[in-house]
Amino acid sequence: LIARQLNVKKVEIKKGEEEKVELDLKMTPELEAEGFARELARKIQAERKNAGLEKKDVIELKVYCDKQTEKMLEEQIEFLIERVNAKKIDFDVKNEEKRDFNIKERKFGISFLKI
């Protein structure tokens, strides 16, 4: 319950005389990638809703971002596919027909097709 409510990876409880809370505040590349993937999923879900899609509707998704961001998100593909109900996700650098937004100063674009 604590881990879920605080959005942390691991909770350690040690028996002792005093009660103490320690937080590991190190931002690892893995944590950063997970954060970007969650925020990207929220943006995609909002656009799906704006397009009138229902949860059951499957999409083919294109994400437009720089190569560094694409590499960061590669390990999060399965999470994104499941979260946004996509059959597949392709990455590209640019396209004129997309919805643009920023996540922490990184530029993204998305386009999708209901299948």
C-alpha atoms as a PDB file:
ATOM      1  CA  LEU A   1       0.000   0.000   0.000  1.00  0.00           C
ATOM      2  CA  ILE A   2       2.789   2.440   0.875  1.00  0.00           C
ATOM      3  CA  ALA A   3       4.670   1.800  -2.372  1.00  0.00           C
ATOM      4  CA  ARG A   4       1.550   2.287  -4.487  1.00  0.00           C
ATOM      5  CA  GLN A   5       0.428   5.468  -2.721  1.00  0.00           C
ATOM      6  CA  LEU A   6       3.868   7.074  -2.799  1.00  0.00           C
ATOM      7  CA  ASN A   7       4.701   5.826  -6.314  1.00  0.00           C
ATOM      8  CA  VAL A   8       7.996   4.290  -5.195  1.00  0.00           C
ATOM      9  CA  LYS A   9       9.743   1.138  -6.360  1.00  0.00           C
ATOM     10  CA  LYS A  10      10.622  -0.417  -3.045  1.00  0.00           C
ATOM     11  CA  VAL A  11       9.678  -0.029   0.604  1.00  0.00           C
ATOM     12  CA  GLU A  12      11.890  -1.501   3.311  1.00  0.00           C
ATOM     13  CA  ILE A  13      10.539  -1.911   6.831  1.00  0.00           C
ATOM     14  CA  LYS A  14      13.077  -2.608   9.526  1.00  0.00           C
ATOM     15  CA  LYS A  15      12.284  -3.374  13.128  1.00  0.00           C
ATOM     16  CA  GLY A  16      13.845  -0.950  15.558  1.00  0.00           C
ATOM     17  CA  GLU A  17      13.260   1.316  18.501  1.00  0.00           C
ATOM     18  CA  GLU A  18      12.628   4.469  16.508  1.00  0.00           C
ATOM     19  CA  GLU A  19      10.421   5.171  13.530  1.00  0.00           C
ATOM     20  CA  LYS A  20      12.303   6.664  10.616  1.00  0.00           C
ATOM     21  CA  VAL A  21      11.608   7.304   6.944  1.00  0.00           C
ATOM     22  CA  GLU A  22      14.371   7.459   4.367  1.00  0.00           C
ATOM     23  CA  LEU A  23      13.789   8.353   0.742  1.00  0.00           C
ATOM     24  CA  ASP A  24      16.125   7.511  -2.106  1.00  0.00           C
ATOM     25  CA  LEU A  25      15.861  10.557  -4.366  1.00  0.00           C
ATOM     26  CA  LYS A  26      18.312   9.417  -7.037  1.00  0.00           C
ATOM     27  CA  MET A  27      16.939   9.885 -10.543  1.00  0.00           C
ATOM     28  CA  THR A  28      18.151   6.955 -12.616  1.00  0.00           C
ATOM     29  CA  PRO A  29      17.789   6.716 -16.387  1.00  0.00           C
ATOM     30  CA  GLU A  30      15.285   3.897 -15.841  1.00  0.00           C
ATOM     31  CA  LEU A  31      13.105   6.013 -13.558  1.00  0.00           C
ATOM     32  CA  GLU A  32      13.276   8.915 -16.000  1.00  0.00           C
ATOM     33  CA  ALA A  33      12.185   6.636 -18.857  1.00  0.00           C
ATOM     34  CA  GLU A  34       9.274   5.301 -16.791  1.00  0.00           C
ATOM     35  CA  GLY A  35       8.171   8.837 -15.988  1.00  0.00           C
ATOM     36  CA  PHE A  36       8.273   9.880 -19.636  1.00  0.00           C
ATOM     37  CA  ALA A  37       6.372   6.739 -20.646  1.00  0.00           C
ATOM     38  CA  ARG A  38       3.622   7.385 -18.070  1.00  0.00           C
ATOM     39  CA  GLU A  39       3.248  11.019 -19.156  1.00  0.00           C
ATOM     40  CA  LEU A  40       3.279  10.035 -22.832  1.00  0.00           C
ATOM     41  CA  ALA A  41       0.575   7.441 -22.141  1.00  0.00           C
ATOM     42  CA  ARG A  42      -1.556  10.122 -20.439  1.00  0.00           C
ATOM     43  CA  LYS A  43      -1.211  12.427 -23.452  1.00  0.00           C
ATOM     44  CA  ILE A  44      -2.089   9.611 -25.864  1.00  0.00           C
ATOM     45  CA  GLN A  45      -5.119   8.640 -23.771  1.00  0.00           C
ATOM     46  CA  ALA A  46      -6.325  12.258 -23.801  1.00  0.00           C
ATOM     47  CA  GLU A  47      -5.984  12.383 -27.594  1.00  0.00           C
ATOM     48  CA  ARG A  48      -7.811   9.062 -27.960  1.00  0.00           C
ATOM     49  CA  LYS A  49     -10.656  10.511 -25.915  1.00  0.00           C
ATOM     50  CA  ASN A  50     -10.669  13.720 -27.998  1.00  0.00           C
ATOM     51  CA  ALA A  51     -10.909  11.558 -31.120  1.00  0.00           C
ATOM     52  CA  GLY A  52     -13.971   9.772 -29.722  1.00  0.00           C
ATOM     53  CA  LEU A  53     -12.264   6.425 -29.293  1.00  0.00           C
ATOM     54  CA  GLU A  54     -13.370   3.971 -26.640  1.00  0.00           C
ATOM     55  CA  LYS A  55     -11.113   1.932 -24.385  1.00  0.00           C
ATOM     56  CA  LYS A  56     -11.686  -1.221 -26.467  1.00  0.00           C
ATOM     57  CA  ASP A  57     -10.604   0.487 -29.714  1.00  0.00           C
ATOM     58  CA  VAL A  58      -7.174  -0.680 -30.894  1.00  0.00           C
ATOM     59  CA  ILE A  59      -4.836   1.782 -32.590  1.00  0.00           C
ATOM     60  CA  GLU A  60      -1.634   1.863 -34.576  1.00  0.00           C
ATOM     61  CA  LEU A  61       0.477   4.611 -33.033  1.00  0.00           C
ATOM     62  CA  LYS A  62       3.306   6.746 -34.346  1.00  0.00           C
ATOM     63  CA  VAL A  63       5.410   8.723 -31.909  1.00  0.00           C
ATOM     64  CA  TYR A  64       7.520  11.550 -33.265  1.00  0.00           C
ATOM     65  CA  CYS A  65      10.556  12.447 -31.173  1.00  0.00           C
ATOM     66  CA  ASP A  66      14.310  12.744 -31.375  1.00  0.00           C
ATOM     67  CA  LYS A  67      16.493   9.638 -31.489  1.00  0.00           C
ATOM     68  CA  GLN A  68      17.713  10.091 -27.898  1.00  0.00           C
ATOM     69  CA  THR A  69      14.136  10.099 -26.577  1.00  0.00           C
ATOM     70  CA  GLU A  70      13.230   7.117 -28.768  1.00  0.00           C
ATOM     71  CA  LYS A  71      16.146   5.155 -27.326  1.00  0.00           C
ATOM     72  CA  MET A  72      15.073   6.102 -23.792  1.00  0.00           C
ATOM     73  CA  LEU A  73      11.520   4.851 -24.442  1.00  0.00           C
ATOM     74  CA  GLU A  74      12.490   1.582 -26.169  1.00  0.00           C
ATOM     75  CA  GLU A  75      12.325  -0.397 -22.925  1.00  0.00           C
ATOM     76  CA  GLN A  76       8.883   1.049 -22.193  1.00  0.00           C
ATOM     77  CA  ILE A  77       7.225  -0.122 -25.432  1.00  0.00           C
ATOM     78  CA  GLU A  78       5.288  -3.000 -23.853  1.00  0.00           C
ATOM     79  CA  PHE A  79       3.991  -0.695 -21.113  1.00  0.00           C
ATOM     80  CA  LEU A  80       2.863   1.864 -23.710  1.00  0.00           C
ATOM     81  CA  ILE A  81       1.252  -0.755 -25.964  1.00  0.00           C
ATOM     82  CA  GLU A  82      -0.763  -2.109 -23.071  1.00  0.00           C
ATOM     83  CA  ARG A  83      -1.644   1.266 -21.571  1.00  0.00           C
ATOM     84  CA  VAL A  84      -2.913   2.889 -24.794  1.00  0.00           C
ATOM     85  CA  ASN A  85      -4.289  -0.286 -26.429  1.00  0.00           C
ATOM     86  CA  ALA A  86      -1.985  -0.101 -29.439  1.00  0.00           C
ATOM     87  CA  LYS A  87      -1.298  -2.986 -31.786  1.00  0.00           C
ATOM     88  CA  LYS A  88       2.104  -1.490 -32.518  1.00  0.00           C
ATOM     89  CA  ILE A  89       4.122   1.657 -31.972  1.00  0.00           C
ATOM     90  CA  ASP A  90       6.459   3.128 -34.557  1.00  0.00           C
ATOM     91  CA  PHE A  91       8.891   5.961 -33.941  1.00  0.00           C
ATOM     92  CA  ASP A  92       9.738   8.650 -36.459  1.00  0.00           C
ATOM     93  CA  VAL A  93      11.505  11.987 -36.409  1.00  0.00           C
ATOM     94  CA  LYS A  94       8.995  14.182 -38.223  1.00  0.00           C
ATOM     95  CA  ASN A  95       5.602  14.288 -39.877  1.00  0.00           C
ATOM     96  CA  GLU A  96       3.230  17.129 -40.612  1.00  0.00           C
ATOM     97  CA  GLU A  97       0.012  15.338 -39.550  1.00  0.00           C
ATOM     98  CA  LYS A  98       0.480  14.973 -35.811  1.00  0.00           C
ATOM     99  CA  ARG A  99      -0.544  16.333 -32.420  1.00  0.00           C
ATOM    100  CA  ASP A 100       2.400  18.148 -30.811  1.00  0.00           C
ATOM    101  CA  PHE A 101       3.216  18.590 -27.135  1.00  0.00           C
ATOM    102  CA  ASN A 102       6.159  18.844 -24.756  1.00  0.00           C
ATOM    103  CA  ILE A 103       7.102  16.695 -21.799  1.00  0.00           C
ATOM    104  CA  LYS A 104       9.833  18.266 -19.670  1.00  0.00           C
ATOM    105  CA  GLU A 105      11.221  20.345 -22.549  1.00  0.00           C
ATOM    106  CA  ARG A 106      11.279  17.362 -24.921  1.00  0.00           C
ATOM    107  CA  LYS A 107       9.171  17.700 -28.045  1.00  0.00           C
ATOM    108  CA  PHE A 108       6.784  14.920 -28.974  1.00  0.00           C
ATOM    109  CA  GLY A 109       4.204  14.348 -31.627  1.00  0.00           C
ATOM    110  CA  ILE A 110       1.743  11.529 -32.035  1.00  0.00           C
ATOM    111  CA  SER A 111      -0.602  10.272 -34.684  1.00  0.00           C
ATOM    112  CA  PHE A 112      -2.750   7.191 -34.603  1.00  0.00           C
ATOM    113  CA  LEU A 113      -5.186   5.210 -36.671  1.00  0.00           C
ATOM    114  CA  LYS A 114      -8.037   3.127 -35.316  1.00  0.00           C
ATOM    115  CA  ILE A 115      -7.804  -0.427 -36.642  1.00  0.00           C
END
